[in-house]
Amino acid sequence: LDLLRIEEDTERWGELMTPVIAQIEDLLLVGDFEAAEQLVGVIVREASPAASQTRRQGAMIAIDRLVSGSMLRHVITHLATIDDAQFERVKRLCVSLGEVLVRPLAEALSAEERGRTRERLTAILLAFGASGRQMVERLKGSPNAAVRRTAIYLLREFGGSDALPDLTELLEDNEPQVQREAVRAILSIGSERAYRVLE
């Protein structure tokens, strides 16, 4: 961690990313979320506009590699059993990586059957706020029906009545299960406008 913070040679800093990513994945595998969050924090800071272009580029590549690697799989294995303090740390870690993680989280949620894990994946997605909602809106066009159903669920959680236009679009989906989920979501809004849409 200290080496990452003080390394001035931008080329060498980029070379450090491969072992650092492997270290983060190992830490998440064994559930050492505090150490993983510290390492991720250094990478995220270097991905900011304040960093040099070379370091920023190396950090952005590292974030992409983390998101596409085993990181999320390791996180999900712990979600059902970790305590609330650890979960808050995991949530902060995920949100710090940015909206690039929203789609993989939503796809993981669409395949997840354990109630506690689903609940916590939802909480992480909601923590992304407006940027998370924008990404979820894009998921309603996914070719995967399970992902579209998850998008409906998340739009309802994100937006309440603000989600009505997006949910209305999904009433025309070619998958009956997606249509049913859209109807349920609109019913749960319960406003006069929502009932008019269903009429």
C-alpha atoms as a PDB file:
ATOM      1  CA  LEU A   1       0.000   0.000   0.000  1.00  0.00           C
ATOM      2  CA  ASP A   2       2.809   2.431   0.912  1.00  0.00           C
ATOM      3  CA  LEU A   3       4.647   1.535  -2.290  1.00  0.00           C
ATOM      4  CA  LEU A   4       1.576   2.434  -4.338  1.00  0.00           C
ATOM      5  CA  ARG A   5       1.243   5.758  -2.564  1.00  0.00           C
ATOM      6  CA  ILE A   6       4.844   6.892  -2.951  1.00  0.00           C
ATOM      7  CA  GLU A   7       5.803   5.359  -6.296  1.00  0.00           C
ATOM      8  CA  GLU A   8       6.648   8.324  -8.516  1.00  0.00           C
ATOM      9  CA  ASP A   9       7.724   6.424 -11.620  1.00  0.00           C
ATOM     10  CA  THR A  10       4.443   6.333 -13.533  1.00  0.00           C
ATOM     11  CA  GLU A  11       5.573   3.458 -15.753  1.00  0.00           C
ATOM     12  CA  ARG A  12       6.534   1.336 -12.754  1.00  0.00           C
ATOM     13  CA  TRP A  13       3.259   2.286 -11.046  1.00  0.00           C
ATOM     14  CA  GLY A  14       1.340   0.809 -13.987  1.00  0.00           C
ATOM     15  CA  GLU A  15       3.352  -2.418 -13.701  1.00  0.00           C
ATOM     16  CA  LEU A  16       2.327  -2.711 -10.065  1.00  0.00           C
ATOM     17  CA  MET A  17      -1.339  -2.987 -11.036  1.00  0.00           C
ATOM     18  CA  THR A  18      -1.219  -6.689 -11.988  1.00  0.00           C
ATOM     19  CA  PRO A  19      -0.011  -7.929  -8.582  1.00  0.00           C
ATOM     20  CA  VAL A  20      -2.206  -5.377  -6.807  1.00  0.00           C
ATOM     21  CA  ILE A  21      -5.333  -6.640  -8.583  1.00  0.00           C
ATOM     22  CA  ALA A  22      -4.396 -10.223  -7.689  1.00  0.00           C
ATOM     23  CA  GLN A  23      -3.896  -9.123  -4.073  1.00  0.00           C
ATOM     24  CA  ILE A  24      -7.303  -7.393  -3.940  1.00  0.00           C
ATOM     25  CA  GLU A  25      -9.004 -10.497  -5.345  1.00  0.00           C
ATOM     26  CA  ASP A  26      -7.242 -12.691  -2.767  1.00  0.00           C
ATOM     27  CA  LEU A  27      -8.246 -10.344   0.059  1.00  0.00           C
ATOM     28  CA  LEU A  28     -11.875 -10.421  -1.074  1.00  0.00           C
ATOM     29  CA  LEU A  29     -11.762 -14.202  -1.376  1.00  0.00           C
ATOM     30  CA  VAL A  30     -10.770 -14.554   2.298  1.00  0.00           C
ATOM     31  CA  GLY A  31     -13.046 -11.709   3.440  1.00  0.00           C
ATOM     32  CA  ASP A  32     -10.415  -9.119   4.427  1.00  0.00           C
ATOM     33  CA  PHE A  33     -12.560  -6.205   3.286  1.00  0.00           C
ATOM     34  CA  GLU A  34     -10.645  -3.533   5.209  1.00  0.00           C
ATOM     35  CA  ALA A  35      -7.344  -4.221   3.424  1.00  0.00           C
ATOM     36  CA  ALA A  36      -9.125  -4.610   0.063  1.00  0.00           C
ATOM     37  CA  GLU A  37     -10.895  -1.276   0.543  1.00  0.00           C
ATOM     38  CA  GLN A  38      -7.586   0.477   1.255  1.00  0.00           C
ATOM     39  CA  LEU A  39      -5.968  -0.863  -1.921  1.00  0.00           C
ATOM     40  CA  VAL A  40      -9.025  -0.072  -4.023  1.00  0.00           C
ATOM     41  CA  GLY A  41      -9.057   3.418  -2.518  1.00  0.00           C
ATOM     42  CA  VAL A  42      -5.532   4.118  -3.809  1.00  0.00           C
ATOM     43  CA  ILE A  43      -6.466   2.941  -7.313  1.00  0.00           C
ATOM     44  CA  VAL A  44      -9.684   5.001  -7.330  1.00  0.00           C
ATOM     45  CA  ARG A  45      -7.806   8.140  -6.237  1.00  0.00           C
ATOM     46  CA  GLU A  46      -5.323   7.659  -9.067  1.00  0.00           C
ATOM     47  CA  ALA A  47      -8.215   7.325 -11.530  1.00  0.00           C
ATOM     48  CA  SER A  48      -9.321  10.890 -10.733  1.00  0.00           C
ATOM     49  CA  PRO A  49      -8.619  13.812 -13.101  1.00  0.00           C
ATOM     50  CA  ALA A  50      -6.058  15.177 -10.605  1.00  0.00           C
ATOM     51  CA  ALA A  51      -3.647  12.282 -11.316  1.00  0.00           C
ATOM     52  CA  SER A  52      -1.152  12.271 -14.171  1.00  0.00           C
ATOM     53  CA  GLN A  53      -2.483  10.903 -17.449  1.00  0.00           C
ATOM     54  CA  THR A  54      -0.323   7.764 -17.296  1.00  0.00           C
ATOM     55  CA  ARG A  55      -1.274   6.938 -13.721  1.00  0.00           C
ATOM     56  CA  ARG A  56      -4.930   7.698 -14.410  1.00  0.00           C
ATOM     57  CA  GLN A  57      -4.924   5.409 -17.442  1.00  0.00           C
ATOM     58  CA  GLY A  58      -3.262   2.616 -15.442  1.00  0.00           C
ATOM     59  CA  ALA A  59      -5.838   3.034 -12.659  1.00  0.00           C
ATOM     60  CA  MET A  60      -8.779   2.976 -15.090  1.00  0.00           C
ATOM     61  CA  ILE A  61      -7.462  -0.221 -16.675  1.00  0.00           C
ATOM     62  CA  ALA A  62      -7.029  -1.707 -13.187  1.00  0.00           C
ATOM     63  CA  ILE A  63     -10.650  -0.864 -12.298  1.00  0.00           C
ATOM     64  CA  ASP A  64     -11.900  -2.484 -15.511  1.00  0.00           C
ATOM     65  CA  ARG A  65      -9.836  -5.599 -14.771  1.00  0.00           C
ATOM     66  CA  LEU A  66     -11.179  -5.766 -11.219  1.00  0.00           C
ATOM     67  CA  VAL A  67     -14.783  -5.457 -12.388  1.00  0.00           C
ATOM     68  CA  SER A  68     -14.378  -8.106 -15.111  1.00  0.00           C
ATOM     69  CA  GLY A  69     -12.377 -10.479 -12.903  1.00  0.00           C
ATOM     70  CA  SER A  70     -13.299 -12.558  -9.865  1.00  0.00           C
ATOM     71  CA  MET A  71     -13.843  -9.610  -7.498  1.00  0.00           C
ATOM     72  CA  LEU A  72     -17.645  -9.574  -7.660  1.00  0.00           C
ATOM     73  CA  ARG A  73     -17.902 -13.346  -7.395  1.00  0.00           C
ATOM     74  CA  HIS A  74     -15.813 -13.269  -4.199  1.00  0.00           C
ATOM     75  CA  VAL A  75     -17.896 -10.421  -2.753  1.00  0.00           C
ATOM     76  CA  ILE A  76     -21.171 -12.238  -3.448  1.00  0.00           C
ATOM     77  CA  THR A  77     -20.025 -15.390  -1.626  1.00  0.00           C
ATOM     78  CA  HIS A  78     -19.755 -13.342   1.590  1.00  0.00           C
ATOM     79  CA  LEU A  79     -22.900 -11.191   1.366  1.00  0.00           C
ATOM     80  CA  ALA A  80     -25.234 -13.581   3.162  1.00  0.00           C
ATOM     81  CA  THR A  81     -22.961 -14.064   6.179  1.00  0.00           C
ATOM     82  CA  ILE A  82     -21.042 -10.846   6.883  1.00  0.00           C
ATOM     83  CA  ASP A  83     -22.212  -8.480   9.623  1.00  0.00           C
ATOM     84  CA  ASP A  84     -23.629  -5.011   8.951  1.00  0.00           C
ATOM     85  CA  ALA A  85     -20.316  -3.181   9.530  1.00  0.00           C
ATOM     86  CA  GLN A  86     -18.519  -5.417   7.043  1.00  0.00           C
ATOM     87  CA  PHE A  87     -21.370  -5.018   4.580  1.00  0.00           C
ATOM     88  CA  GLU A  88     -21.109  -1.215   4.784  1.00  0.00           C
ATOM     89  CA  ARG A  89     -17.411  -1.527   3.944  1.00  0.00           C
ATOM     90  CA  VAL A  90     -18.195  -3.784   0.963  1.00  0.00           C
ATOM     91  CA  LYS A  91     -20.861  -1.349  -0.216  1.00  0.00           C
ATOM     92  CA  ARG A  92     -18.415   1.580  -0.032  1.00  0.00           C
ATOM     93  CA  LEU A  93     -15.804  -0.415  -1.919  1.00  0.00           C
ATOM     94  CA  CYS A  94     -18.269  -1.259  -4.705  1.00  0.00           C
ATOM     95  CA  VAL A  95     -19.632   2.275  -5.045  1.00  0.00           C
ATOM     96  CA  SER A  96     -16.100   3.720  -5.113  1.00  0.00           C
ATOM     97  CA  LEU A  97     -15.381   1.763  -8.309  1.00  0.00           C
ATOM     98  CA  GLY A  98     -18.118   3.710 -10.104  1.00  0.00           C
ATOM     99  CA  GLU A  99     -21.053   2.925 -12.345  1.00  0.00           C
ATOM    100  CA  VAL A 100     -18.978   0.461 -14.384  1.00  0.00           C
ATOM    101  CA  LEU A 101     -19.985  -2.030 -11.658  1.00  0.00           C
ATOM    102  CA  VAL A 102     -23.755  -1.431 -11.950  1.00  0.00           C
ATOM    103  CA  ARG A 103     -24.415  -3.766 -14.888  1.00  0.00           C
ATOM    104  CA  PRO A 104     -22.427  -6.714 -13.432  1.00  0.00           C
ATOM    105  CA  LEU A 105     -24.198  -6.197 -10.079  1.00  0.00           C
ATOM    106  CA  ALA A 106     -27.630  -6.157 -11.736  1.00  0.00           C
ATOM    107  CA  GLU A 107     -26.787  -9.272 -13.756  1.00  0.00           C
ATOM    108  CA  ALA A 108     -25.595 -10.998 -10.580  1.00  0.00           C
ATOM    109  CA  LEU A 109     -28.838  -9.991  -8.863  1.00  0.00           C
ATOM    110  CA  SER A 110     -30.899 -11.443 -11.719  1.00  0.00           C
ATOM    111  CA  ALA A 111     -29.244 -14.847 -11.202  1.00  0.00           C
ATOM    112  CA  GLU A 112     -29.222 -14.796  -7.375  1.00  0.00           C
ATOM    113  CA  GLU A 113     -31.777 -16.879  -5.464  1.00  0.00           C
ATOM    114  CA  ARG A 114     -30.697 -16.385  -1.824  1.00  0.00           C
ATOM    115  CA  GLY A 115     -32.902 -13.768  -0.161  1.00  0.00           C
ATOM    116  CA  ARG A 116     -30.263 -12.132   2.051  1.00  0.00           C
ATOM    117  CA  THR A 117     -27.794 -11.882  -0.814  1.00  0.00           C
ATOM    118  CA  ARG A 118     -30.462 -10.390  -3.119  1.00  0.00           C
ATOM    119  CA  GLU A 119     -31.345  -7.838  -0.458  1.00  0.00           C
ATOM    120  CA  ARG A 120     -27.732  -6.759  -0.062  1.00  0.00           C
ATOM    121  CA  LEU A 121     -27.037  -6.651  -3.808  1.00  0.00           C
ATOM    122  CA  THR A 122     -30.080  -4.385  -4.109  1.00  0.00           C
ATOM    123  CA  ALA A 123     -28.772  -2.135  -1.322  1.00  0.00           C
ATOM    124  CA  ILE A 124     -25.422  -1.812  -3.108  1.00  0.00           C
ATOM    125  CA  LEU A 125     -27.132  -0.912  -6.387  1.00  0.00           C
ATOM    126  CA  LEU A 126     -29.353   1.679  -4.698  1.00  0.00           C
ATOM    127  CA  ALA A 127     -26.246   3.246  -3.123  1.00  0.00           C
ATOM    128  CA  PHE A 128     -25.111   4.313  -6.619  1.00  0.00           C
ATOM    129  CA  GLY A 129     -27.933   6.875  -6.660  1.00  0.00           C
ATOM    130  CA  ALA A 130     -28.734   8.722  -9.888  1.00  0.00           C
ATOM    131  CA  SER A 131     -25.866   7.199 -11.883  1.00  0.00           C
ATOM    132  CA  GLY A 132     -27.008   3.728 -10.855  1.00  0.00           C
ATOM    133  CA  ARG A 133     -30.556   4.489 -11.897  1.00  0.00           C
ATOM    134  CA  GLN A 134     -29.433   5.674 -15.343  1.00  0.00           C
ATOM    135  CA  MET A 135     -27.532   2.446 -15.882  1.00  0.00           C
ATOM    136  CA  VAL A 136     -30.507   0.368 -14.691  1.00  0.00           C
ATOM    137  CA  GLU A 137     -32.741   2.193 -17.176  1.00  0.00           C
ATOM    138  CA  ARG A 138     -30.444   0.912 -19.937  1.00  0.00           C
ATOM    139  CA  LEU A 139     -30.811  -2.650 -18.637  1.00  0.00           C
ATOM    140  CA  LYS A 140     -34.495  -2.711 -19.544  1.00  0.00           C
ATOM    141  CA  GLY A 141     -33.323  -3.220 -23.144  1.00  0.00           C
ATOM    142  CA  SER A 142     -31.196  -6.259 -22.267  1.00  0.00           C
ATOM    143  CA  PRO A 143     -31.689  -9.340 -24.472  1.00  0.00           C
ATOM    144  CA  ASN A 144     -31.822 -11.392 -21.252  1.00  0.00           C
ATOM    145  CA  ALA A 145     -35.381 -11.523 -19.835  1.00  0.00           C
ATOM    146  CA  ALA A 146     -34.082 -12.166 -16.295  1.00  0.00           C
ATOM    147  CA  VAL A 147     -32.031  -8.969 -16.481  1.00  0.00           C
ATOM    148  CA  ARG A 148     -35.084  -7.036 -17.730  1.00  0.00           C
ATOM    149  CA  ARG A 149     -37.129  -8.367 -14.782  1.00  0.00           C
ATOM    150  CA  THR A 150     -34.340  -7.279 -12.438  1.00  0.00           C
ATOM    151  CA  ALA A 151     -34.357  -3.843 -14.089  1.00  0.00           C
ATOM    152  CA  ILE A 152     -38.076  -3.562 -13.291  1.00  0.00           C
ATOM    153  CA  TYR A 153     -37.475  -4.484  -9.668  1.00  0.00           C
ATOM    154  CA  LEU A 154     -34.622  -1.966  -9.372  1.00  0.00           C
ATOM    155  CA  LEU A 155     -36.514   0.817 -11.151  1.00  0.00           C
ATOM    156  CA  ARG A 156     -39.324   0.385  -8.634  1.00  0.00           C
ATOM    157  CA  GLU A 157     -36.803   0.479  -5.773  1.00  0.00           C
ATOM    158  CA  PHE A 158     -34.988   3.490  -7.201  1.00  0.00           C
ATOM    159  CA  GLY A 159     -37.790   5.655  -8.367  1.00  0.00           C
ATOM    160  CA  GLY A 160     -41.282   4.979  -7.091  1.00  0.00           C
ATOM    161  CA  SER A 161     -43.648   6.950  -9.311  1.00  0.00           C
ATOM    162  CA  ASP A 162     -40.718   8.444 -11.280  1.00  0.00           C
ATOM    163  CA  ALA A 163     -40.172   4.967 -12.723  1.00  0.00           C
ATOM    164  CA  LEU A 164     -43.655   4.867 -14.296  1.00  0.00           C
ATOM    165  CA  PRO A 165     -42.595   5.835 -17.870  1.00  0.00           C
ATOM    166  CA  ASP A 166     -39.879   3.150 -17.907  1.00  0.00           C
ATOM    167  CA  LEU A 167     -42.219   0.547 -16.463  1.00  0.00           C
ATOM    168  CA  THR A 168     -44.920   1.471 -18.986  1.00  0.00           C
ATOM    169  CA  GLU A 169     -42.501   0.682 -21.830  1.00  0.00           C
ATOM    170  CA  LEU A 170     -41.955  -2.788 -20.397  1.00  0.00           C
ATOM    171  CA  LEU A 171     -45.678  -3.591 -20.552  1.00  0.00           C
ATOM    172  CA  GLU A 172     -45.036  -4.165 -24.278  1.00  0.00           C
ATOM    173  CA  ASP A 173     -42.177  -6.622 -23.655  1.00  0.00           C
ATOM    174  CA  ASN A 174     -42.333  -9.844 -25.690  1.00  0.00           C
ATOM    175  CA  GLU A 175     -41.697 -11.940 -22.566  1.00  0.00           C
ATOM    176  CA  PRO A 176     -44.903 -12.549 -20.514  1.00  0.00           C
ATOM    177  CA  GLN A 177     -42.970 -12.750 -17.228  1.00  0.00           C
ATOM    178  CA  VAL A 178     -41.443  -9.349 -17.850  1.00  0.00           C
ATOM    179  CA  GLN A 179     -44.930  -7.947 -18.608  1.00  0.00           C
ATOM    180  CA  ARG A 180     -46.254  -9.435 -15.344  1.00  0.00           C
ATOM    181  CA  GLU A 181     -43.375  -7.920 -13.352  1.00  0.00           C
ATOM    182  CA  ALA A 182     -44.058  -4.528 -14.963  1.00  0.00           C
ATOM    183  CA  VAL A 183     -47.759  -4.781 -14.021  1.00  0.00           C
ATOM    184  CA  ARG A 184     -46.837  -5.689 -10.424  1.00  0.00           C
ATOM    185  CA  ALA A 185     -44.382  -2.797 -10.222  1.00  0.00           C
ATOM    186  CA  ILE A 186     -46.966  -0.324 -11.569  1.00  0.00           C
ATOM    187  CA  LEU A 187     -49.576  -1.636  -9.119  1.00  0.00           C
ATOM    188  CA  SER A 188     -47.120  -1.146  -6.272  1.00  0.00           C
ATOM    189  CA  ILE A 189     -46.773   2.538  -7.236  1.00  0.00           C
ATOM    190  CA  GLY A 190     -50.506   2.773  -6.555  1.00  0.00           C
ATOM    191  CA  SER A 191     -51.065   6.297  -7.862  1.00  0.00           C
ATOM    192  CA  GLU A 192     -54.019   7.391  -9.970  1.00  0.00           C
ATOM    193  CA  ARG A 193     -51.639   7.885 -12.903  1.00  0.00           C
ATOM    194  CA  ALA A 194     -50.333   4.337 -12.482  1.00  0.00           C
ATOM    195  CA  TYR A 195     -53.873   2.931 -12.516  1.00  0.00           C
ATOM    196  CA  ARG A 196     -54.668   4.923 -15.677  1.00  0.00           C
ATOM    197  CA  VAL A 197     -51.641   3.337 -17.396  1.00  0.00           C
ATOM    198  CA  LEU A 198     -52.947  -0.114 -16.521  1.00  0.00           C
ATOM    199  CA  GLU A 199     -56.435   0.741 -17.687  1.00  0.00           C
END
